[in-house]
Amino acid sequence: MSESNSISIRFADEFENNLYRLSKKYRNIRSDIEPIIQQIQTGNFLGDHIPKLGTDYLVYKVRVNNSNIQKGKRAGYRLIYQVESETSVLLLTIYSKSEKEDINVSEILNILNNFYNSEDNNSL
């Protein structure tokens, strides 16, 4: 896939806020997630599909190694993203497994609703 055909990456406020907060504690977080984002941009949708969101949303959760703690992917980050279309991916949230055990479907739906509602308000 050529660079002109790469998938555009958008960021929900929740993702940006969590990334900023986590970067205070884990200084390598941006370099840890960069290879994942690059893979997603090429159309390689990593991680596990979250099926409980129905057919409206194609959402994945991917494990990301935290190089600051040296405990592997299980203790690392979870990056949640939505495939919006063949050309667009929305990064929803990221969290550290040491701070949050899991994310539930209602939390993901809230992030999606907040993002799309604020996007609708911005386009008015």
Protein backbone atom coordinates (compact mmCIF):
# COMPACT_ATOMS: atom_id res chain seq x y z
CA MET A 1 0.00 0.00 0.00
CA SER A 2 1.51 3.31 -0.99
CA GLU A 3 1.75 6.26 1.38
CA SER A 4 -1.04 8.07 -0.45
CA ASN A 5 -3.35 5.14 0.28
CA SER A 6 -2.49 4.94 3.96
CA ILE A 7 -5.25 5.06 6.52
CA SER A 8 -5.79 8.36 8.30
CA ILE A 9 -5.62 8.23 12.08
CA ARG A 10 -7.91 10.39 14.19
CA PHE A 11 -7.71 10.84 17.94
CA ALA A 12 -10.59 11.00 20.39
CA ASP A 13 -10.14 13.50 23.24
CA GLU A 14 -10.17 10.56 25.65
CA PHE A 15 -7.16 9.03 23.88
CA GLU A 16 -5.20 12.30 23.82
CA ASN A 17 -5.95 13.02 27.48
CA ASN A 18 -4.97 9.52 28.62
CA LEU A 19 -1.83 9.54 26.47
CA TYR A 20 -0.76 12.86 27.98
CA ARG A 21 -1.47 11.67 31.54
CA LEU A 22 0.31 8.35 31.02
CA SER A 23 3.30 10.05 29.38
CA LYS A 24 3.99 11.80 32.70
CA LYS A 25 4.49 8.40 34.34
CA TYR A 26 5.80 6.36 31.39
CA ARG A 27 8.15 8.46 29.30
CA ASN A 28 8.48 5.86 26.50
CA ILE A 29 4.75 5.49 25.83
CA ARG A 30 4.81 7.40 22.54
CA SER A 31 7.63 5.27 21.12
CA ASP A 32 5.89 2.14 22.47
CA ILE A 33 2.65 2.85 20.58
CA GLU A 34 4.23 4.26 17.41
CA PRO A 35 4.81 0.83 15.75
CA ILE A 36 1.18 -0.13 16.48
CA ILE A 37 -0.13 3.07 14.88
CA GLN A 38 2.14 2.52 11.86
CA GLN A 39 0.77 -1.02 11.44
CA ILE A 40 -2.82 0.25 11.66
CA GLN A 41 -2.05 2.93 9.05
CA THR A 42 -1.08 0.19 6.60
CA GLY A 43 -4.40 -1.60 7.12
CA ASN A 44 -3.06 -4.28 9.47
CA PHE A 45 -5.73 -4.14 12.18
CA LEU A 46 -4.04 -5.61 15.21
CA GLY A 47 -5.61 -6.90 18.39
CA ASP A 48 -8.85 -8.55 19.32
CA HIS A 49 -12.18 -7.49 17.87
CA ILE A 50 -14.63 -6.42 20.61
CA PRO A 51 -17.86 -8.11 19.46
CA LYS A 52 -20.28 -6.83 22.11
CA LEU A 53 -20.63 -3.41 20.45
CA GLY A 54 -23.01 -4.73 17.81
CA THR A 55 -22.64 -4.23 14.09
CA ASP A 56 -22.44 -0.42 14.25
CA TYR A 57 -18.84 -0.29 15.43
CA LEU A 58 -15.76 -2.25 14.44
CA VAL A 59 -13.61 -1.83 17.55
CA TYR A 60 -10.36 -3.55 18.49
CA LYS A 61 -8.31 -3.82 21.66
CA VAL A 62 -4.58 -4.35 21.23
CA ARG A 63 -1.96 -5.12 23.85
CA VAL A 64 1.07 -2.85 23.74
CA ASN A 65 4.33 -3.47 25.53
CA ASN A 66 5.29 -0.88 28.18
CA SER A 67 9.07 -0.57 27.85
CA ASN A 68 9.23 1.43 31.09
CA ILE A 69 8.20 -1.50 33.30
CA GLN A 70 9.83 -4.49 31.56
CA LYS A 71 6.94 -6.87 32.23
CA GLY A 72 5.78 -7.63 28.67
CA LYS A 73 2.50 -6.97 26.88
CA ARG A 74 0.27 -8.49 29.58
CA ALA A 75 1.23 -5.75 32.04
CA GLY A 76 1.53 -3.04 29.39
CA TYR A 77 -1.04 -0.79 27.76
CA ARG A 78 -4.34 -1.47 26.11
CA LEU A 79 -5.06 0.63 23.05
CA ILE A 80 -8.69 0.71 21.90
CA TYR A 81 -9.47 1.84 18.37
CA GLN A 82 -12.34 1.90 15.92
CA VAL A 83 -12.07 1.16 12.21
CA GLU A 84 -14.37 3.88 10.85
CA SER A 85 -13.89 3.00 7.19
CA GLU A 86 -11.33 1.60 4.76
CA THR A 87 -9.46 4.89 5.00
CA SER A 88 -10.00 6.08 8.58
CA VAL A 89 -9.26 4.79 12.09
CA LEU A 90 -10.21 6.50 15.34
CA LEU A 91 -7.98 5.91 18.36
CA LEU A 92 -10.47 5.83 21.24
CA THR A 93 -8.48 5.38 24.42
CA ILE A 94 -5.35 3.96 25.97
CA TYR A 95 -4.80 2.78 29.50
CA SER A 96 -2.18 1.02 31.56
CA LYS A 97 -3.10 -2.48 32.65
CA SER A 98 -1.53 -1.71 36.05
CA GLU A 99 -4.01 1.15 36.59
CA LYS A 100 -7.15 -0.32 35.03
CA GLU A 101 -7.99 -4.00 34.75
CA ASP A 102 -10.34 -3.77 31.77
CA ILE A 103 -12.67 -1.47 29.87
CA ASN A 104 -16.35 -2.31 29.50
CA VAL A 105 -18.63 -1.87 26.52
CA SER A 106 -20.52 1.08 28.04
CA GLU A 107 -17.25 2.99 28.53
CA ILE A 108 -16.34 2.44 24.88
CA LEU A 109 -19.80 3.52 23.74
CA ASN A 110 -19.51 6.68 25.89
CA ILE A 111 -16.19 7.56 24.25
CA LEU A 112 -17.70 7.00 20.79
CA ASN A 113 -20.80 9.05 21.61
CA ASN A 114 -18.75 11.90 23.08
CA PHE A 115 -16.47 11.96 20.05
CA TYR A 116 -19.22 11.91 17.42
CA ASN A 117 -21.42 14.36 19.33
CA SER A 118 -18.59 16.87 19.68
CA GLU A 119 -17.70 16.35 16.01
CA ASP A 120 -21.32 17.06 15.03
CA ASN A 121 -21.32 20.22 17.15
CA ASN A 122 -18.07 21.39 15.58
CA SER A 123 -19.48 21.02 12.07
CA LEU A 124 -22.49 23.25 12.77
